Full PDB file with SEQRES, HELIX, SHEET, SSBOND, CRYST1, ORIGX, SCALE, CONECT and MASTER records, all heavy atoms in Angstrom:
SEQRES   1 A   31  LEU LYS LYS ILE ALA THR LEU PHE ILE LEU PRO VAL PHE          
SEQRES   2 A   31  LEU PHE SER CYS LYS GLY GLN ASP ILE THR LEU LYS GLU          
SEQRES   3 A   31  GLY ASP MET ALA PRO                                          
HELIX    1 AA1 LYS A    2  CYS A   17  1                                  16    
CRYST1    1.000    1.000    1.000  90.00  90.00  90.00 P 1           1          
ORIGX1      1.000000  0.000000  0.000000        0.00000                         
ORIGX2      0.000000  1.000000  0.000000        0.00000                         
ORIGX3      0.000000  0.000000  1.000000        0.00000                         
SCALE1      1.000000  0.000000  0.000000        0.00000                         
SCALE2      0.000000  1.000000  0.000000        0.00000                         
SCALE3      0.000000  0.000000  1.000000        0.00000                         
ATOM      1  N   LEU A   1      81.989 216.636 173.621  1.00  0.00           N  
ATOM      2  CA  LEU A   1      81.822 216.987 175.022  1.00  0.00           C  
ATOM      3  C   LEU A   1      80.902 218.203 175.171  1.00  0.00           C  
ATOM      4  O   LEU A   1      80.086 218.258 176.083  1.00  0.00           O  
ATOM      5  CB  LEU A   1      83.189 217.270 175.660  1.00  0.00           C  
ATOM      6  CG  LEU A   1      83.203 217.468 177.171  1.00  0.00           C  
ATOM      7  CD1 LEU A   1      82.574 216.262 177.868  1.00  0.00           C  
ATOM      8  CD2 LEU A   1      84.613 217.665 177.658  1.00  0.00           C  
ATOM      9  N   LYS A   2      81.025 219.164 174.231  1.00  0.00           N  
ATOM     10  CA  LYS A   2      80.160 220.343 174.253  1.00  0.00           C  
ATOM     11  C   LYS A   2      78.696 219.944 174.084  1.00  0.00           C  
ATOM     12  O   LYS A   2      77.816 220.478 174.756  1.00  0.00           O  
ATOM     13  CB  LYS A   2      80.561 221.296 173.114  1.00  0.00           C  
ATOM     14  CG  LYS A   2      81.034 222.614 173.563  1.00  0.00           C  
ATOM     15  CD  LYS A   2      81.272 223.491 172.358  1.00  0.00           C  
ATOM     16  CE  LYS A   2      82.062 224.706 172.785  1.00  0.00           C  
ATOM     17  NZ  LYS A   2      82.358 225.583 171.699  1.00  0.00           N  
ATOM     18  N   LYS A   3      78.422 219.025 173.168  1.00  0.00           N  
ATOM     19  CA  LYS A   3      77.048 218.567 172.942  1.00  0.00           C  
ATOM     20  C   LYS A   3      76.473 217.902 174.185  1.00  0.00           C  
ATOM     21  O   LYS A   3      75.339 218.154 174.561  1.00  0.00           O  
ATOM     22  CB  LYS A   3      76.993 217.576 171.773  1.00  0.00           C  
ATOM     23  CG  LYS A   3      76.917 218.210 170.431  1.00  0.00           C  
ATOM     24  CD  LYS A   3      76.701 217.155 169.375  1.00  0.00           C  
ATOM     25  CE  LYS A   3      76.578 217.779 168.015  1.00  0.00           C  
ATOM     26  NZ  LYS A   3      76.382 216.810 166.964  1.00  0.00           N  
ATOM     27  N   ILE A   4      77.278 217.057 174.812  1.00  0.00           N  
ATOM     28  CA  ILE A   4      76.826 216.371 176.027  1.00  0.00           C  
ATOM     29  C   ILE A   4      76.555 217.388 177.131  1.00  0.00           C  
ATOM     30  O   ILE A   4      75.530 217.315 177.812  1.00  0.00           O  
ATOM     31  CB  ILE A   4      77.857 215.308 176.477  1.00  0.00           C  
ATOM     32  CG1 ILE A   4      77.910 214.185 175.440  1.00  0.00           C  
ATOM     33  CG2 ILE A   4      77.507 214.764 177.859  1.00  0.00           C  
ATOM     34  CD1 ILE A   4      79.037 213.216 175.659  1.00  0.00           C  
ATOM     35  N   ALA A   5      77.462 218.346 177.284  1.00  0.00           N  
ATOM     36  CA  ALA A   5      77.287 219.376 178.312  1.00  0.00           C  
ATOM     37  C   ALA A   5      76.019 220.184 178.041  1.00  0.00           C  
ATOM     38  O   ALA A   5      75.242 220.469 178.949  1.00  0.00           O  
ATOM     39  CB  ALA A   5      78.503 220.291 178.366  1.00  0.00           C  
ATOM     40  N   THR A   6      75.786 220.540 176.780  1.00  0.00           N  
ATOM     41  CA  THR A   6      74.586 221.308 176.410  1.00  0.00           C  
ATOM     42  C   THR A   6      73.329 220.501 176.686  1.00  0.00           C  
ATOM     43  O   THR A   6      72.349 221.032 177.215  1.00  0.00           O  
ATOM     44  CB  THR A   6      74.642 221.709 174.918  1.00  0.00           C  
ATOM     45  OG1 THR A   6      75.821 222.486 174.706  1.00  0.00           O  
ATOM     46  CG2 THR A   6      73.421 222.524 174.535  1.00  0.00           C  
ATOM     47  N   LEU A   7      73.341 219.234 176.344  1.00  0.00           N  
ATOM     48  CA  LEU A   7      72.172 218.387 176.571  1.00  0.00           C  
ATOM     49  C   LEU A   7      71.858 218.239 178.061  1.00  0.00           C  
ATOM     50  O   LEU A   7      70.710 218.108 178.458  1.00  0.00           O  
ATOM     51  CB  LEU A   7      72.378 217.011 175.944  1.00  0.00           C  
ATOM     52  CG  LEU A   7      72.359 216.979 174.421  1.00  0.00           C  
ATOM     53  CD1 LEU A   7      72.725 215.588 173.921  1.00  0.00           C  
ATOM     54  CD2 LEU A   7      70.996 217.390 173.894  1.00  0.00           C  
ATOM     55  N   PHE A   8      72.895 218.286 178.888  1.00  0.00           N  
ATOM     56  CA  PHE A   8      72.693 218.171 180.330  1.00  0.00           C  
ATOM     57  C   PHE A   8      72.336 219.511 180.964  1.00  0.00           C  
ATOM     58  O   PHE A   8      71.402 219.617 181.739  1.00  0.00           O  
ATOM     59  CB  PHE A   8      73.944 217.596 180.995  1.00  0.00           C  
ATOM     60  CG  PHE A   8      73.847 217.576 182.498  1.00  0.00           C  
ATOM     61  CD1 PHE A   8      73.027 216.649 183.134  1.00  0.00           C  
ATOM     62  CD2 PHE A   8      74.533 218.497 183.263  1.00  0.00           C  
ATOM     63  CE1 PHE A   8      72.911 216.642 184.517  1.00  0.00           C  
ATOM     64  CE2 PHE A   8      74.427 218.491 184.644  1.00  0.00           C  
ATOM     65  CZ  PHE A   8      73.608 217.556 185.267  1.00  0.00           C  
ATOM     66  N   ILE A   9      73.073 220.562 180.624  1.00  0.00           N  
ATOM     67  CA  ILE A   9      72.926 221.861 181.274  1.00  0.00           C  
ATOM     68  C   ILE A   9      71.622 222.554 180.897  1.00  0.00           C  
ATOM     69  O   ILE A   9      70.961 223.129 181.750  1.00  0.00           O  
ATOM     70  CB  ILE A   9      74.141 222.764 180.963  1.00  0.00           C  
ATOM     71  CG1 ILE A   9      75.383 222.169 181.628  1.00  0.00           C  
ATOM     72  CG2 ILE A   9      73.901 224.189 181.429  1.00  0.00           C  
ATOM     73  CD1 ILE A   9      76.665 222.835 181.246  1.00  0.00           C  
ATOM     74  N   LEU A  10      71.200 222.508 179.639  1.00  0.00           N  
ATOM     75  CA  LEU A  10      69.993 223.211 179.217  1.00  0.00           C  
ATOM     76  C   LEU A  10      68.758 222.757 179.982  1.00  0.00           C  
ATOM     77  O   LEU A  10      68.043 223.598 180.533  1.00  0.00           O  
ATOM     78  CB  LEU A  10      69.784 223.074 177.702  1.00  0.00           C  
ATOM     79  CG  LEU A  10      68.605 223.870 177.134  1.00  0.00           C  
ATOM     80  CD1 LEU A  10      68.770 225.359 177.411  1.00  0.00           C  
ATOM     81  CD2 LEU A  10      68.472 223.618 175.655  1.00  0.00           C  
ATOM     82  N   PRO A  11      68.483 221.455 180.089  1.00  0.00           N  
ATOM     83  CA  PRO A  11      67.305 221.053 180.879  1.00  0.00           C  
ATOM     84  C   PRO A  11      67.399 221.455 182.350  1.00  0.00           C  
ATOM     85  O   PRO A  11      66.411 221.838 182.954  1.00  0.00           O  
ATOM     86  CB  PRO A  11      67.264 219.532 180.733  1.00  0.00           C  
ATOM     87  CG  PRO A  11      68.050 219.236 179.506  1.00  0.00           C  
ATOM     88  CD  PRO A  11      69.083 220.320 179.404  1.00  0.00           C  
ATOM     89  N   VAL A  12      68.587 221.390 182.922  1.00  0.00           N  
ATOM     90  CA  VAL A  12      68.767 221.789 184.320  1.00  0.00           C  
ATOM     91  C   VAL A  12      68.486 223.280 184.457  1.00  0.00           C  
ATOM     92  O   VAL A  12      67.791 223.726 185.370  1.00  0.00           O  
ATOM     93  CB  VAL A  12      70.192 221.450 184.827  1.00  0.00           C  
ATOM     94  CG1 VAL A  12      70.469 222.100 186.170  1.00  0.00           C  
ATOM     95  CG2 VAL A  12      70.371 219.949 184.892  1.00  0.00           C  
ATOM     96  N   PHE A  13      68.972 224.095 183.501  1.00  0.00           N  
ATOM     97  CA  PHE A  13      68.733 225.538 183.515  1.00  0.00           C  
ATOM     98  C   PHE A  13      67.249 225.830 183.398  1.00  0.00           C  
ATOM     99  O   PHE A  13      66.698 226.604 184.168  1.00  0.00           O  
ATOM    100  CB  PHE A  13      69.496 226.215 182.370  1.00  0.00           C  
ATOM    101  CG  PHE A  13      69.120 227.659 182.191  1.00  0.00           C  
ATOM    102  CD1 PHE A  13      69.598 228.620 183.063  1.00  0.00           C  
ATOM    103  CD2 PHE A  13      68.273 228.043 181.167  1.00  0.00           C  
ATOM    104  CE1 PHE A  13      69.249 229.956 182.920  1.00  0.00           C  
ATOM    105  CE2 PHE A  13      67.917 229.371 181.016  1.00  0.00           C  
ATOM    106  CZ  PHE A  13      68.411 230.325 181.887  1.00  0.00           C  
ATOM    107  N   LEU A  14      66.588 225.199 182.447  1.00  0.00           N  
ATOM    108  CA  LEU A  14      65.164 225.451 182.256  1.00  0.00           C  
ATOM    109  C   LEU A  14      64.360 225.027 183.477  1.00  0.00           C  
ATOM    110  O   LEU A  14      63.445 225.724 183.905  1.00  0.00           O  
ATOM    111  CB  LEU A  14      64.647 224.737 181.002  1.00  0.00           C  
ATOM    112  CG  LEU A  14      65.159 225.294 179.678  1.00  0.00           C  
ATOM    113  CD1 LEU A  14      64.656 224.425 178.535  1.00  0.00           C  
ATOM    114  CD2 LEU A  14      64.757 226.734 179.477  1.00  0.00           C  
ATOM    115  N   PHE A  15      64.699 223.907 184.070  1.00  0.00           N  
ATOM    116  CA  PHE A  15      63.990 223.449 185.265  1.00  0.00           C  
ATOM    117  C   PHE A  15      64.205 224.411 186.420  1.00  0.00           C  
ATOM    118  O   PHE A  15      63.278 224.781 187.120  1.00  0.00           O  
ATOM    119  CB  PHE A  15      64.449 222.043 185.658  1.00  0.00           C  
ATOM    120  CG  PHE A  15      63.786 221.552 186.912  1.00  0.00           C  
ATOM    121  CD1 PHE A  15      62.464 221.113 186.884  1.00  0.00           C  
ATOM    122  CD2 PHE A  15      64.469 221.557 188.117  1.00  0.00           C  
ATOM    123  CE1 PHE A  15      61.845 220.672 188.041  1.00  0.00           C  
ATOM    124  CE2 PHE A  15      63.848 221.122 189.278  1.00  0.00           C  
ATOM    125  CZ  PHE A  15      62.538 220.675 189.235  1.00  0.00           C  
ATOM    126  N   SER A  16      65.435 224.866 186.607  1.00  0.00           N  
ATOM    127  CA  SER A  16      65.727 225.734 187.749  1.00  0.00           C  
ATOM    128  C   SER A  16      65.117 227.117 187.582  1.00  0.00           C  
ATOM    129  O   SER A  16      64.832 227.784 188.565  1.00  0.00           O  
ATOM    130  CB  SER A  16      67.237 225.854 187.961  1.00  0.00           C  
ATOM    131  OG  SER A  16      67.829 226.525 186.876  1.00  0.00           O  
ATOM    132  N   CYS A  17      64.878 227.561 186.357  1.00  0.00           N  
ATOM    133  CA  CYS A  17      64.284 228.881 186.125  1.00  0.00           C  
ATOM    134  C   CYS A  17      62.767 228.825 186.063  1.00  0.00           C  
ATOM    135  O   CYS A  17      62.119 229.851 186.069  1.00  0.00           O  
ATOM    136  CB  CYS A  17      64.798 229.477 184.813  1.00  0.00           C  
ATOM    137  SG  CYS A  17      66.530 229.932 184.889  1.00  0.00           S  
ATOM    138  N   LYS A  18      62.224 227.651 185.988  1.00  0.00           N  
ATOM    139  CA  LYS A  18      60.789 227.513 185.803  1.00  0.00           C  
ATOM    140  C   LYS A  18      59.992 228.127 186.945  1.00  0.00           C  
ATOM    141  O   LYS A  18      58.920 228.663 186.752  1.00  0.00           O  
ATOM    142  CB  LYS A  18      60.416 226.037 185.656  1.00  0.00           C  
ATOM    143  CG  LYS A  18      58.963 225.827 185.328  1.00  0.00           C  
ATOM    144  CD  LYS A  18      58.675 224.371 185.141  1.00  0.00           C  
ATOM    145  CE  LYS A  18      57.183 224.188 184.899  1.00  0.00           C  
ATOM    146  NZ  LYS A  18      56.767 222.845 185.060  1.00  0.00           N  
ATOM    147  N   GLY A  19      60.497 228.095 188.128  1.00  0.00           N  
ATOM    148  CA  GLY A  19      59.764 228.654 189.261  1.00  0.00           C  
ATOM    149  C   GLY A  19      58.846 227.609 189.847  1.00  0.00           C  
ATOM    150  O   GLY A  19      58.869 226.453 189.481  1.00  0.00           O  
ATOM    151  N   GLN A  20      58.014 228.049 190.757  1.00  0.00           N  
ATOM    152  CA  GLN A  20      57.137 227.123 191.455  1.00  0.00           C  
ATOM    153  C   GLN A  20      55.706 227.312 190.987  1.00  0.00           C  
ATOM    154  O   GLN A  20      55.365 228.310 190.400  1.00  0.00           O  
ATOM    155  CB  GLN A  20      57.238 227.381 192.953  1.00  0.00           C  
ATOM    156  CG  GLN A  20      56.793 228.792 193.312  1.00  0.00           C  
ATOM    157  CD  GLN A  20      57.379 229.251 194.610  1.00  0.00           C  
ATOM    158  OE1 GLN A  20      58.536 228.990 194.891  1.00  0.00           O  
ATOM    159  NE2 GLN A  20      56.601 229.961 195.388  1.00  0.00           N  
ATOM    160  N   ASP A  21      54.881 226.330 191.258  1.00  0.00           N  
ATOM    161  CA  ASP A  21      53.463 226.488 190.988  1.00  0.00           C  
ATOM    162  C   ASP A  21      52.906 227.474 192.003  1.00  0.00           C  
ATOM    163  O   ASP A  21      53.349 227.531 193.143  1.00  0.00           O  
ATOM    164  CB  ASP A  21      52.737 225.143 191.127  1.00  0.00           C  
ATOM    165  CG  ASP A  21      53.085 224.191 190.003  1.00  0.00           C  
ATOM    166  OD1 ASP A  21      53.402 224.676 188.906  1.00  0.00           O  
ATOM    167  OD2 ASP A  21      53.041 222.970 190.242  1.00  0.00           O  
ATOM    168  N   ILE A  22      51.921 228.231 191.574  1.00  0.00           N  
ATOM    169  CA  ILE A  22      51.285 229.183 192.469  1.00  0.00           C  
ATOM    170  C   ILE A  22      50.476 228.410 193.496  1.00  0.00           C  
ATOM    171  O   ILE A  22      49.669 227.562 193.148  1.00  0.00           O  
ATOM    172  CB  ILE A  22      50.373 230.126 191.666  1.00  0.00           C  
ATOM    173  CG1 ILE A  22      51.177 230.902 190.625  1.00  0.00           C  
ATOM    174  CG2 ILE A  22      49.660 231.097 192.592  1.00  0.00           C  
ATOM    175  CD1 ILE A  22      50.331 231.646 189.633  1.00  0.00           C  
ATOM    176  N   THR A  23      50.700 228.716 194.751  1.00  0.00           N  
ATOM    177  CA  THR A  23      49.954 228.040 195.810  1.00  0.00           C  
ATOM    178  C   THR A  23      48.899 228.951 196.413  1.00  0.00           C  
ATOM    179  O   THR A  23      48.105 228.507 197.231  1.00  0.00           O  
ATOM    180  CB  THR A  23      50.901 227.550 196.924  1.00  0.00           C  
ATOM    181  OG1 THR A  23      51.616 228.675 197.440  1.00  0.00           O  
ATOM    182  CG2 THR A  23      51.881 226.510 196.393  1.00  0.00           C  
ATOM    183  N   LEU A  24      48.894 230.217 196.014  1.00  0.00           N  
ATOM    184  CA  LEU A  24      47.881 231.138 196.517  1.00  0.00           C  
ATOM    185  C   LEU A  24      46.537 230.809 195.888  1.00  0.00           C  
ATOM    186  O   LEU A  24      46.459 230.394 194.737  1.00  0.00           O  
ATOM    187  CB  LEU A  24      48.265 232.579 196.181  1.00  0.00           C  
ATOM    188  CG  LEU A  24      49.555 233.088 196.802  1.00  0.00           C  
ATOM    189  CD1 LEU A  24      49.904 234.453 196.257  1.00  0.00           C  
ATOM    190  CD2 LEU A  24      49.443 233.118 198.313  1.00  0.00           C  
ATOM    191  N   LYS A  25      45.482 231.037 196.679  1.00  0.00           N  
ATOM    192  CA  LYS A  25      44.146 230.777 196.135  1.00  0.00           C  
ATOM    193  C   LYS A  25      43.179 231.839 196.634  1.00  0.00           C  
ATOM    194  O   LYS A  25      43.468 232.563 197.592  1.00  0.00           O  
ATOM    195  CB  LYS A  25      43.677 229.374 196.479  1.00  0.00           C  
ATOM    196  CG  LYS A  25      43.699 228.994 197.928  1.00  0.00           C  
ATOM    197  CD  LYS A  25      43.479 227.496 198.103  1.00  0.00           C  
ATOM    198  CE  LYS A  25      43.580 227.061 199.524  1.00  0.00           C  
ATOM    199  NZ  LYS A  25      44.746 227.418 200.265  1.00  0.00           N  
ATOM    200  N   GLU A  26      42.037 231.910 195.980  1.00  0.00           N  
ATOM    201  CA  GLU A  26      41.008 232.862 196.376  1.00  0.00           C  
ATOM    202  C   GLU A  26      40.611 232.584 197.817  1.00  0.00           C  
ATOM    203  O   GLU A  26      40.467 231.431 198.216  1.00  0.00           O  
ATOM    204  CB  GLU A  26      39.816 232.769 195.428  1.00  0.00           C  
ATOM    205  CG  GLU A  26      40.170 233.233 194.032  1.00  0.00           C  
ATOM    206  CD  GLU A  26      39.077 233.023 192.998  1.00  0.00           C  
ATOM    207  OE1 GLU A  26      37.930 232.704 193.367  1.00  0.00           O  
ATOM    208  OE2 GLU A  26      39.384 233.187 191.802  1.00  0.00           O  
ATOM    209  N   GLY A  27      40.484 233.654 198.597  1.00  0.00           N  
ATOM    210  CA  GLY A  27      40.164 233.536 200.023  1.00  0.00           C  
ATOM    211  C   GLY A  27      41.389 233.654 200.913  1.00  0.00           C  
ATOM    212  O   GLY A  27      41.260 233.891 202.112  1.00  0.00           O  
ATOM    213  N   ASP A  28      42.596 233.489 200.344  1.00  0.00           N  
ATOM    214  CA  ASP A  28      43.838 233.648 201.108  1.00  0.00           C  
ATOM    215  C   ASP A  28      44.121 235.122 201.359  1.00  0.00           C  
ATOM    216  O   ASP A  28      43.740 235.991 200.559  1.00  0.00           O  
ATOM    217  CB  ASP A  28      45.043 233.090 200.335  1.00  0.00           C  
ATOM    218  CG  ASP A  28      45.091 231.587 200.283  1.00  0.00           C  
ATOM    219  OD1 ASP A  28      44.294 230.938 200.995  1.00  0.00           O  
ATOM    220  OD2 ASP A  28      45.927 231.056 199.522  1.00  0.00           O  
ATOM    221  N   MET A  29      44.837 235.398 202.442  1.00  0.00           N  
ATOM    222  CA  MET A  29      45.383 236.743 202.640  1.00  0.00           C  
ATOM    223  C   MET A  29      46.503 236.924 201.630  1.00  0.00           C  
ATOM    224  O   MET A  29      47.316 236.017 201.430  1.00  0.00           O  
ATOM    225  CB  MET A  29      45.952 236.901 204.056  1.00  0.00           C  
ATOM    226  CG  MET A  29      44.913 237.061 205.134  1.00  0.00           C  
ATOM    227  SD  MET A  29      43.911 238.556 204.984  1.00  0.00           S  
ATOM    228  CE  MET A  29      45.102 239.843 205.283  1.00  0.00           C  
ATOM    229  N   ALA A  30      46.539 238.077 200.991  1.00  0.00           N  
ATOM    230  CA  ALA A  30      47.607 238.364 200.036  1.00  0.00           C  
ATOM    231  C   ALA A  30      48.908 238.580 200.803  1.00  0.00           C  
ATOM    232  O   ALA A  30      48.951 239.416 201.714  1.00  0.00           O  
ATOM    233  CB  ALA A  30      47.260 239.603 199.219  1.00  0.00           C  
ATOM    234  N   PRO A  31      49.947 237.833 200.485  1.00  0.00           N  
ATOM    235  CA  PRO A  31      51.225 238.025 201.183  1.00  0.00           C  
ATOM    236  C   PRO A  31      51.756 239.448 200.985  1.00  0.00           C  
ATOM    237  O   PRO A  31      51.709 239.983 199.870  1.00  0.00           O  
ATOM    238  CB  PRO A  31      52.158 237.018 200.510  1.00  0.00           C  
ATOM    239  CG  PRO A  31      51.255 236.001 199.894  1.00  0.00           C  
ATOM    240  CD  PRO A  31      50.016 236.756 199.501  1.00  0.00           C  
TER     241      PRO A  31                                                      
MASTER        0    0    0    1    0    0    0    6  240    1    0    3          
END                                                                             
C-alpha cells in the first residue's frame, strides 16, 4: 500500500509544485 501511495502521491506533488509557464513577454508592462 505504501508503494502504491508513493507512486500516486509523488507525481501529484511534483505536478502541483511545478508552477505555471511564464506568460510575460517582452513589451508587456511588468506586473
